[in-house]
């Protein structure tokens, strides 16, 4: 039932809205995270180790995914709910 709804024009709009939400969340969380580390610990981006990049990237991905899942509920009701 869910797959049929996602193949409709409203379903495609829903998936596009989720992609936009994820990109916005990743940009905001990424900026806050990276700038926060640079300002808090006074470590310039050029001095970061590989493990720091991996850890911060994973944190940005997880937080962005959480924001996207939370916003998927009202977006799903708006796009996929009854008329």
PDB file of N, CA and C in Angstrom:
ATOM      1  N   UNK A   1       0.819  -1.190   0.000  1.00  0.00           N
ATOM      2  CA  UNK A   1       0.000   0.000   0.000  1.00  0.00           C
ATOM      3  C   UNK A   1       0.865   1.257   0.000  1.00  0.00           C
ATOM      4  N   UNK A   2       1.942   1.228   0.750  1.00  0.00           N
ATOM      5  CA  UNK A   2       2.806   2.406   0.839  1.00  0.00           C
ATOM      6  C   UNK A   2       3.533   2.620  -0.487  1.00  0.00           C
ATOM      7  N   UNK A   3       3.991   1.535  -1.108  1.00  0.00           N
ATOM      8  CA  UNK A   3       4.698   1.669  -2.381  1.00  0.00           C
ATOM      9  C   UNK A   3       3.808   2.247  -3.468  1.00  0.00           C
ATOM     10  N   UNK A   4       2.545   1.875  -3.469  1.00  0.00           N
ATOM     11  CA  UNK A   4       1.633   2.426  -4.463  1.00  0.00           C
ATOM     12  C   UNK A   4       1.447   3.926  -4.262  1.00  0.00           C
ATOM     13  N   UNK A   5       1.378   4.346  -3.000  1.00  0.00           N
ATOM     14  CA  UNK A   5       1.230   5.776  -2.716  1.00  0.00           C
ATOM     15  C   UNK A   5       2.475   6.561  -3.102  1.00  0.00           C
ATOM     16  N   UNK A   6       3.653   5.946  -2.934  1.00  0.00           N
ATOM     17  CA  UNK A   6       4.887   6.644  -3.272  1.00  0.00           C
ATOM     18  C   UNK A   6       5.091   6.759  -4.779  1.00  0.00           C
ATOM     19  N   UNK A   7       4.413   5.938  -5.563  1.00  0.00           N
ATOM     20  CA  UNK A   7       4.534   6.002  -7.018  1.00  0.00           C
ATOM     21  C   UNK A   7       3.589   7.026  -7.637  1.00  0.00           C
ATOM     22  N   UNK A   8       2.713   7.594  -6.841  1.00  0.00           N
ATOM     23  CA  UNK A   8       1.802   8.619  -7.336  1.00  0.00           C
ATOM     24  C   UNK A   8       2.535   9.958  -7.393  1.00  0.00           C
ATOM     25  N   UNK A   9       1.958  10.951  -8.071  1.00  0.00           N
ATOM     26  CA  UNK A   9       2.594  12.282  -8.078  1.00  0.00           C
ATOM     27  C   UNK A   9       2.752  12.873  -6.677  1.00  0.00           C
ATOM     28  N   UNK A  10       1.790  12.621  -5.801  1.00  0.00           N
ATOM     29  CA  UNK A  10       1.906  13.113  -4.422  1.00  0.00           C
ATOM     30  C   UNK A  10       3.042  12.420  -3.690  1.00  0.00           C
ATOM     31  N   UNK A  11       3.235  11.132  -3.973  1.00  0.00           N
ATOM     32  CA  UNK A  11       4.336  10.392  -3.364  1.00  0.00           C
ATOM     33  C   UNK A  11       5.687  10.905  -3.809  1.00  0.00           C
ATOM     34  N   UNK A  12       5.789  11.263  -5.086  1.00  0.00           N
ATOM     35  CA  UNK A  12       7.054  11.818  -5.583  1.00  0.00           C
ATOM     36  C   UNK A  12       7.323  13.182  -4.961  1.00  0.00           C
ATOM     37  N   UNK A  13       6.278  13.970  -4.778  1.00  0.00           N
ATOM     38  CA  UNK A  13       6.443  15.267  -4.109  1.00  0.00           C
ATOM     39  C   UNK A  13       6.887  15.065  -2.669  1.00  0.00           C
ATOM     40  N   UNK A  14       6.341  14.048  -2.016  1.00  0.00           N
ATOM     41  CA  UNK A  14       6.725  13.727  -0.640  1.00  0.00           C
ATOM     42  C   UNK A  14       8.205  13.358  -0.562  1.00  0.00           C
ATOM     43  N   UNK A  15       8.654  12.492  -1.474  1.00  0.00           N
ATOM     44  CA  UNK A  15      10.061  12.088  -1.471  1.00  0.00           C
ATOM     45  C   UNK A  15      10.975  13.259  -1.792  1.00  0.00           C
ATOM     46  N   UNK A  16      10.559  14.127  -2.696  1.00  0.00           N
ATOM     47  CA  UNK A  16      11.342  15.319  -3.003  1.00  0.00           C
ATOM     48  C   UNK A  16      11.411  16.247  -1.794  1.00  0.00           C
ATOM     49  N   UNK A  17      10.285  16.390  -1.081  1.00  0.00           N
ATOM     50  CA  UNK A  17      10.270  17.222   0.128  1.00  0.00           C
ATOM     51  C   UNK A  17      11.202  16.640   1.187  1.00  0.00           C
ATOM     52  N   UNK A  18      11.240  15.321   1.321  1.00  0.00           N
ATOM     53  CA  UNK A  18      12.156  14.693   2.278  1.00  0.00           C
ATOM     54  C   UNK A  18      13.612  14.930   1.894  1.00  0.00           C
ATOM     55  N   UNK A  19      13.899  14.872   0.608  1.00  0.00           N
ATOM     56  CA  UNK A  19      15.262  15.142   0.155  1.00  0.00           C
ATOM     57  C   UNK A  19      15.665  16.580   0.460  1.00  0.00           C
ATOM     58  N   UNK A  20      14.766  17.510   0.224  1.00  0.00           N
ATOM     59  CA  UNK A  20      15.047  18.919   0.510  1.00  0.00           C
ATOM     60  C   UNK A  20      15.250  19.126   2.012  1.00  0.00           C
ATOM     61  N   UNK A  21      14.403  18.503   2.829  1.00  0.00           N
ATOM     62  CA  UNK A  21      14.538  18.617   4.288  1.00  0.00           C
ATOM     63  C   UNK A  21      15.880  18.056   4.734  1.00  0.00           C
ATOM     64  N   UNK A  22      16.282  16.906   4.172  1.00  0.00           N
ATOM     65  CA  UNK A  22      17.568  16.315   4.555  1.00  0.00           C
ATOM     66  C   UNK A  22      18.725  17.222   4.174  1.00  0.00           C
ATOM     67  N   UNK A  23      18.668  17.808   2.985  1.00  0.00           N
ATOM     68  CA  UNK A  23      19.753  18.691   2.549  1.00  0.00           C
ATOM     69  C   UNK A  23      19.838  19.939   3.418  1.00  0.00           C
ATOM     70  N   UNK A  24      18.697  20.518   3.761  1.00  0.00           N
ATOM     71  CA  UNK A  24      18.694  21.702   4.625  1.00  0.00           C
ATOM     72  C   UNK A  24      19.216  21.344   6.014  1.00  0.00           C
ATOM     73  N   UNK A  25      18.756  20.212   6.549  1.00  0.00           N
ATOM     74  CA  UNK A  25      19.211  19.785   7.875  1.00  0.00           C
ATOM     75  C   UNK A  25      20.707  19.499   7.873  1.00  0.00           C
ATOM     76  N   UNK A  26      21.197  18.850   6.819  1.00  0.00           N
ATOM     77  CA  UNK A  26      22.629  18.545   6.743  1.00  0.00           C
ATOM     78  C   UNK A  26      23.459  19.828   6.655  1.00  0.00           C
ATOM     79  N   UNK A  27      22.966  20.807   5.915  1.00  0.00           N
ATOM     80  CA  UNK A  27      23.699  22.070   5.800  1.00  0.00           C
ATOM     81  C   UNK A  27      23.743  22.796   7.138  1.00  0.00           C
ATOM     82  N   UNK A  28      22.611  22.863   7.809  1.00  0.00           N
ATOM     83  CA  UNK A  28      22.556  23.575   9.096  1.00  0.00           C
ATOM     84  C   UNK A  28      23.352  22.848  10.180  1.00  0.00           C
ATOM     85  N   UNK A  29      23.139  21.544  10.290  1.00  0.00           N
ATOM     86  CA  UNK A  29      23.848  20.774  11.311  1.00  0.00           C
ATOM     87  C   UNK A  29      25.343  20.730  11.001  1.00  0.00           C
ATOM     88  N   UNK A  30      25.686  20.590   9.736  1.00  0.00           N
ATOM     89  CA  UNK A  30      27.097  20.557   9.352  1.00  0.00           C
ATOM     90  C   UNK A  30      27.805  21.854   9.677  1.00  0.00           C
ATOM     91  N   UNK A  31      27.158  22.948   9.361  1.00  0.00           N
ATOM     92  CA  UNK A  31      27.768  24.250   9.668  1.00  0.00           C
ATOM     93  C   UNK A  31      27.923  24.431  11.172  1.00  0.00           C
ATOM     94  N   UNK A  32      26.880  24.114  11.922  1.00  0.00           N
ATOM     95  CA  UNK A  32      26.948  24.274  13.378  1.00  0.00           C
ATOM     96  C   UNK A  32      28.020  23.363  13.989  1.00  0.00           C
ATOM     97  N   UNK A  33      28.109  22.155  13.498  1.00  0.00           N
ATOM     98  CA  UNK A  33      29.066  21.203  14.043  1.00  0.00           C
ATOM     99  C   UNK A  33      30.504  21.606  13.727  1.00  0.00           C
ATOM    100  N   UNK A  34      30.764  21.886  12.469  1.00  0.00           N
ATOM    101  CA  UNK A  34      32.135  22.194  12.062  1.00  0.00           C
ATOM    102  C   UNK A  34      32.603  23.514  12.657  1.00  0.00           C
ATOM    103  N   UNK A  35      31.761  24.539  12.578  1.00  0.00           N
ATOM    104  CA  UNK A  35      32.140  25.835  13.156  1.00  0.00           C
ATOM    105  C   UNK A  35      32.274  25.716  14.669  1.00  0.00           C
ATOM    106  N   UNK A  36      31.424  24.921  15.284  1.00  0.00           N
ATOM    107  CA  UNK A  36      31.502  24.728  16.730  1.00  0.00           C
ATOM    108  C   UNK A  36      32.806  24.086  17.152  1.00  0.00           C
ATOM    109  N   UNK A  37      33.246  23.081  16.421  1.00  0.00           N
ATOM    110  CA  UNK A  37      34.511  22.417  16.759  1.00  0.00           C
ATOM    111  C   UNK A  37      35.680  23.374  16.542  1.00  0.00           C
ATOM    112  N   UNK A  38      35.635  24.104  15.444  1.00  0.00           N
ATOM    113  CA  UNK A  38      36.737  25.026  15.150  1.00  0.00           C
ATOM    114  C   UNK A  38      36.824  26.114  16.223  1.00  0.00           C
ATOM    115  N   UNK A  39      35.691  26.678  16.623  1.00  0.00           N
ATOM    116  CA  UNK A  39      35.713  27.757  17.624  1.00  0.00           C
ATOM    117  C   UNK A  39      35.975  27.243  19.032  1.00  0.00           C
ATOM    118  N   UNK A  40      35.392  26.112  19.372  1.00  0.00           N
ATOM    119  CA  UNK A  40      35.510  25.599  20.739  1.00  0.00           C
ATOM    120  C   UNK A  40      36.924  25.129  21.060  1.00  0.00           C
ATOM    121  N   UNK A  41      37.518  24.392  20.132  1.00  0.00           N
ATOM    122  CA  UNK A  41      38.819  23.777  20.411  1.00  0.00           C
ATOM    123  C   UNK A  41      39.969  24.478  19.695  1.00  0.00           C
ATOM    124  N   UNK A  42      39.695  25.519  18.924  1.00  0.00           N
ATOM    125  CA  UNK A  42      40.712  26.271  18.188  1.00  0.00           C
ATOM    126  C   UNK A  42      41.565  25.372  17.309  1.00  0.00           C
ATOM    127  N   UNK A  43      40.909  24.436  16.635  1.00  0.00           N
ATOM    128  CA  UNK A  43      41.600  23.547  15.701  1.00  0.00           C
ATOM    129  C   UNK A  43      41.139  23.924  14.300  1.00  0.00           C
ATOM    130  N   UNK A  44      42.016  24.461  13.469  1.00  0.00           N
ATOM    131  CA  UNK A  44      41.592  24.793  12.105  1.00  0.00           C
ATOM    132  C   UNK A  44      41.272  23.527  11.314  1.00  0.00           C
ATOM    133  N   UNK A  45      40.459  23.690  10.302  1.00  0.00           N
ATOM    134  CA  UNK A  45      40.019  22.554   9.503  1.00  0.00           C
ATOM    135  C   UNK A  45      41.204  21.827   8.862  1.00  0.00           C
ATOM    136  N   UNK A  46      42.246  22.549   8.544  1.00  0.00           N
ATOM    137  CA  UNK A  46      43.423  21.927   7.917  1.00  0.00           C
ATOM    138  C   UNK A  46      44.185  21.026   8.885  1.00  0.00           C
ATOM    139  N   UNK A  47      43.966  21.180  10.178  1.00  0.00           N
ATOM    140  CA  UNK A  47      44.678  20.376  11.175  1.00  0.00           C
ATOM    141  C   UNK A  47      43.864  19.173  11.655  1.00  0.00           C
ATOM    142  N   UNK A  48      42.674  18.987  11.102  1.00  0.00           N
ATOM    143  CA  UNK A  48      41.842  17.861  11.524  1.00  0.00           C
ATOM    144  C   UNK A  48      42.451  16.535  11.050  1.00  0.00           C
ATOM    145  N   UNK A  49      42.306  15.515  11.878  1.00  0.00           N
ATOM    146  CA  UNK A  49      42.750  14.180  11.485  1.00  0.00           C
ATOM    147  C   UNK A  49      41.617  13.491  10.722  1.00  0.00           C
ATOM    148  N   UNK A  50      41.932  12.373  10.114  1.00  0.00           N
ATOM    149  CA  UNK A  50      40.929  11.618   9.362  1.00  0.00           C
ATOM    150  C   UNK A  50      39.819  11.135  10.280  1.00  0.00           C
ATOM    151  N   UNK A  51      40.169  10.719  11.467  1.00  0.00           N
ATOM    152  CA  UNK A  51      39.144  10.228  12.392  1.00  0.00           C
ATOM    153  C   UNK A  51      38.190  11.345  12.815  1.00  0.00           C
ATOM    154  N   UNK A  52      38.699  12.571  12.906  1.00  0.00           N
ATOM    155  CA  UNK A  52      37.814  13.690  13.237  1.00  0.00           C
ATOM    156  C   UNK A  52      36.810  13.933  12.112  1.00  0.00           C
ATOM    157  N   UNK A  53      37.279  13.873  10.868  1.00  0.00           N
ATOM    158  CA  UNK A  53      36.384  14.035   9.729  1.00  0.00           C
ATOM    159  C   UNK A  53      35.316  12.942   9.711  1.00  0.00           C
ATOM    160  N   UNK A  54      35.733  11.707   9.954  1.00  0.00           N
ATOM    161  CA  UNK A  54      34.797  10.583   9.928  1.00  0.00           C
ATOM    162  C   UNK A  54      33.777  10.724  11.050  1.00  0.00           C
ATOM    163  N   UNK A  55      34.228  11.034  12.243  1.00  0.00           N
ATOM    164  CA  UNK A  55      33.327  11.166  13.382  1.00  0.00           C
ATOM    165  C   UNK A  55      32.335  12.315  13.194  1.00  0.00           C
ATOM    166  N   UNK A  56      32.809  13.459  12.755  1.00  0.00           N
ATOM    167  CA  UNK A  56      31.915  14.604  12.558  1.00  0.00           C
ATOM    168  C   UNK A  56      30.946  14.354  11.405  1.00  0.00           C
ATOM    169  N   UNK A  57      31.410  13.701  10.355  1.00  0.00           N
ATOM    170  CA  UNK A  57      30.522  13.382   9.234  1.00  0.00           C
ATOM    171  C   UNK A  57      29.430  12.412   9.656  1.00  0.00           C
ATOM    172  N   UNK A  58      29.791  11.427  10.459  1.00  0.00           N
ATOM    173  CA  UNK A  58      28.787  10.481  10.949  1.00  0.00           C
ATOM    174  C   UNK A  58      27.778  11.184  11.846  1.00  0.00           C
ATOM    175  N   UNK A  59      28.251  12.090  12.685  1.00  0.00           N
ATOM    176  CA  UNK A  59      27.347  12.827  13.560  1.00  0.00           C
ATOM    177  C   UNK A  59      26.409  13.716  12.741  1.00  0.00           C
ATOM    178  N   UNK A  60      26.922  14.379  11.732  1.00  0.00           N
ATOM    179  CA  UNK A  60      26.089  15.218  10.872  1.00  0.00           C
ATOM    180  C   UNK A  60      25.037  14.369  10.175  1.00  0.00           C
ATOM    181  N   UNK A  61      25.435  13.197   9.666  1.00  0.00           N
ATOM    182  CA  UNK A  61      24.487  12.322   8.984  1.00  0.00           C
ATOM    183  C   UNK A  61      23.387  11.849   9.919  1.00  0.00           C
ATOM    184  N   UNK A  62      23.761  11.413  11.109  1.00  0.00           N
ATOM    185  CA  UNK A  62      22.763  10.890  12.054  1.00  0.00           C
ATOM    186  C   UNK A  62      21.782  11.982  12.484  1.00  0.00           C
ATOM    187  N   UNK A  63      22.279  13.155  12.840  1.00  0.00           N
ATOM    188  CA  UNK A  63      21.391  14.239  13.258  1.00  0.00           C
ATOM    189  C   UNK A  63      20.494  14.697  12.115  1.00  0.00           C
ATOM    190  N   UNK A  64      21.025  14.757  10.910  1.00  0.00           N
ATOM    191  CA  UNK A  64      20.209  15.146   9.761  1.00  0.00           C
ATOM    192  C   UNK A  64      19.126  14.106   9.492  1.00  0.00           C
ATOM    193  N   UNK A  65      19.485  12.843   9.652  1.00  0.00           N
ATOM    194  CA  UNK A  65      18.503  11.776   9.463  1.00  0.00           C
ATOM    195  C   UNK A  65      17.398  11.859  10.507  1.00  0.00           C
ATOM    196  N   UNK A  66      17.749  12.163  11.743  1.00  0.00           N
ATOM    197  CA  UNK A  66      16.738  12.299  12.803  1.00  0.00           C
ATOM    198  C   UNK A  66      15.787  13.455  12.501  1.00  0.00           C
ATOM    199  N   UNK A  67      16.316  14.603  12.100  1.00  0.00           N
ATOM    200  CA  UNK A  67      15.457  15.734  11.747  1.00  0.00           C
ATOM    201  C   UNK A  67      14.554  15.389  10.569  1.00  0.00           C
ATOM    202  N   UNK A  68      15.089  14.650   9.596  1.00  0.00           N
ATOM    203  CA  UNK A  68      14.297  14.272   8.429  1.00  0.00           C
ATOM    204  C   UNK A  68      13.168  13.331   8.826  1.00  0.00           C
ATOM    205  N   UNK A  69      13.456  12.365   9.681  1.00  0.00           N
ATOM    206  CA  UNK A  69      12.408  11.433  10.128  1.00  0.00           C
ATOM    207  C   UNK A  69      11.329  12.166  10.915  1.00  0.00           C
ATOM    208  N   UNK A  70      11.737  13.098  11.759  1.00  0.00           N
ATOM    209  CA  UNK A  70      10.755  13.856  12.533  1.00  0.00           C
ATOM    210  C   UNK A  70       9.856  14.703  11.632  1.00  0.00           C
ATOM    211  N   UNK A  71      10.424  15.289  10.608  1.00  0.00           N
ATOM    212  CA  UNK A  71       9.622  16.107   9.701  1.00  0.00           C
ATOM    213  C   UNK A  71       8.887  15.274   8.652  1.00  0.00           C
ATOM    214  N   UNK A  72       9.210  13.984   8.537  1.00  0.00           N
ATOM    215  CA  UNK A  72       8.505  13.125   7.584  1.00  0.00           C
ATOM    216  C   UNK A  72       7.066  12.886   8.015  1.00  0.00           C
ATOM    217  N   UNK A  73       6.804  12.956   9.306  1.00  0.00           N
ATOM    218  CA  UNK A  73       5.448  12.699   9.799  1.00  0.00           C
ATOM    219  C   UNK A  73       4.470  13.761   9.297  1.00  0.00           C
ATOM    220  N   UNK A  74       4.712  15.056   9.553  1.00  0.00           N
ATOM    221  CA  UNK A  74       3.755  16.036   9.025  1.00  0.00           C
ATOM    222  C   UNK A  74       3.764  16.117   7.502  1.00  0.00           C
ATOM    223  N   UNK A  75       4.920  15.903   6.877  1.00  0.00           N
ATOM    224  CA  UNK A  75       4.959  15.922   5.418  1.00  0.00           C
ATOM    225  C   UNK A  75       4.177  14.754   4.840  1.00  0.00           C
ATOM    226  N   UNK A  76       4.261  13.597   5.474  1.00  0.00           N
ATOM    227  CA  UNK A  76       3.490  12.446   5.018  1.00  0.00           C
ATOM    228  C   UNK A  76       2.003  12.667   5.139  1.00  0.00           C
ATOM    229  N   UNK A  77       1.591  13.294   6.216  1.00  0.00           N
ATOM    230  CA  UNK A  77       0.166  13.603   6.377  1.00  0.00           C
ATOM    231  C   UNK A  77      -0.270  14.614   5.325  1.00  0.00           C
ATOM    232  N   UNK A  78       0.577  15.608   5.058  1.00  0.00           N
ATOM    233  CA  UNK A  78       0.218  16.639   4.086  1.00  0.00           C
ATOM    234  C   UNK A  78       0.145  16.073   2.674  1.00  0.00           C
ATOM    235  N   UNK A  79       1.170  15.306   2.252  1.00  0.00           N
ATOM    236  CA  UNK A  79       1.223  14.836   0.876  1.00  0.00           C
ATOM    237  C   UNK A  79       0.454  13.536   0.653  1.00  0.00           C
ATOM    238  N   UNK A  80       0.487  12.629   1.609  1.00  0.00           N
ATOM    239  CA  UNK A  80      -0.088  11.295   1.400  1.00  0.00           C
ATOM    240  C   UNK A  80      -1.406  11.065   2.121  1.00  0.00           C
ATOM    241  N   UNK A  81      -1.817  12.014   2.947  1.00  0.00           N
ATOM    242  CA  UNK A  81      -3.056  11.864   3.693  1.00  0.00           C
ATOM    243  C   UNK A  81      -4.275  11.958   2.785  1.00  0.00           C
ATOM    244  N   UNK A  82      -5.397  11.706   3.389  1.00  0.00           N
ATOM    245  CA  UNK A  82      -6.650  11.784   2.627  1.00  0.00           C
ATOM    246  C   UNK A  82      -6.936  13.202   2.179  1.00  0.00           C
ATOM    247  N   UNK A  83      -7.775  13.303   1.197  1.00  0.00           N
ATOM    248  CA  UNK A  83      -8.083  14.623   0.621  1.00  0.00           C
ATOM    249  C   UNK A  83      -9.041  15.363   1.490  1.00  0.00           C
TER     250      UNK A  83
END
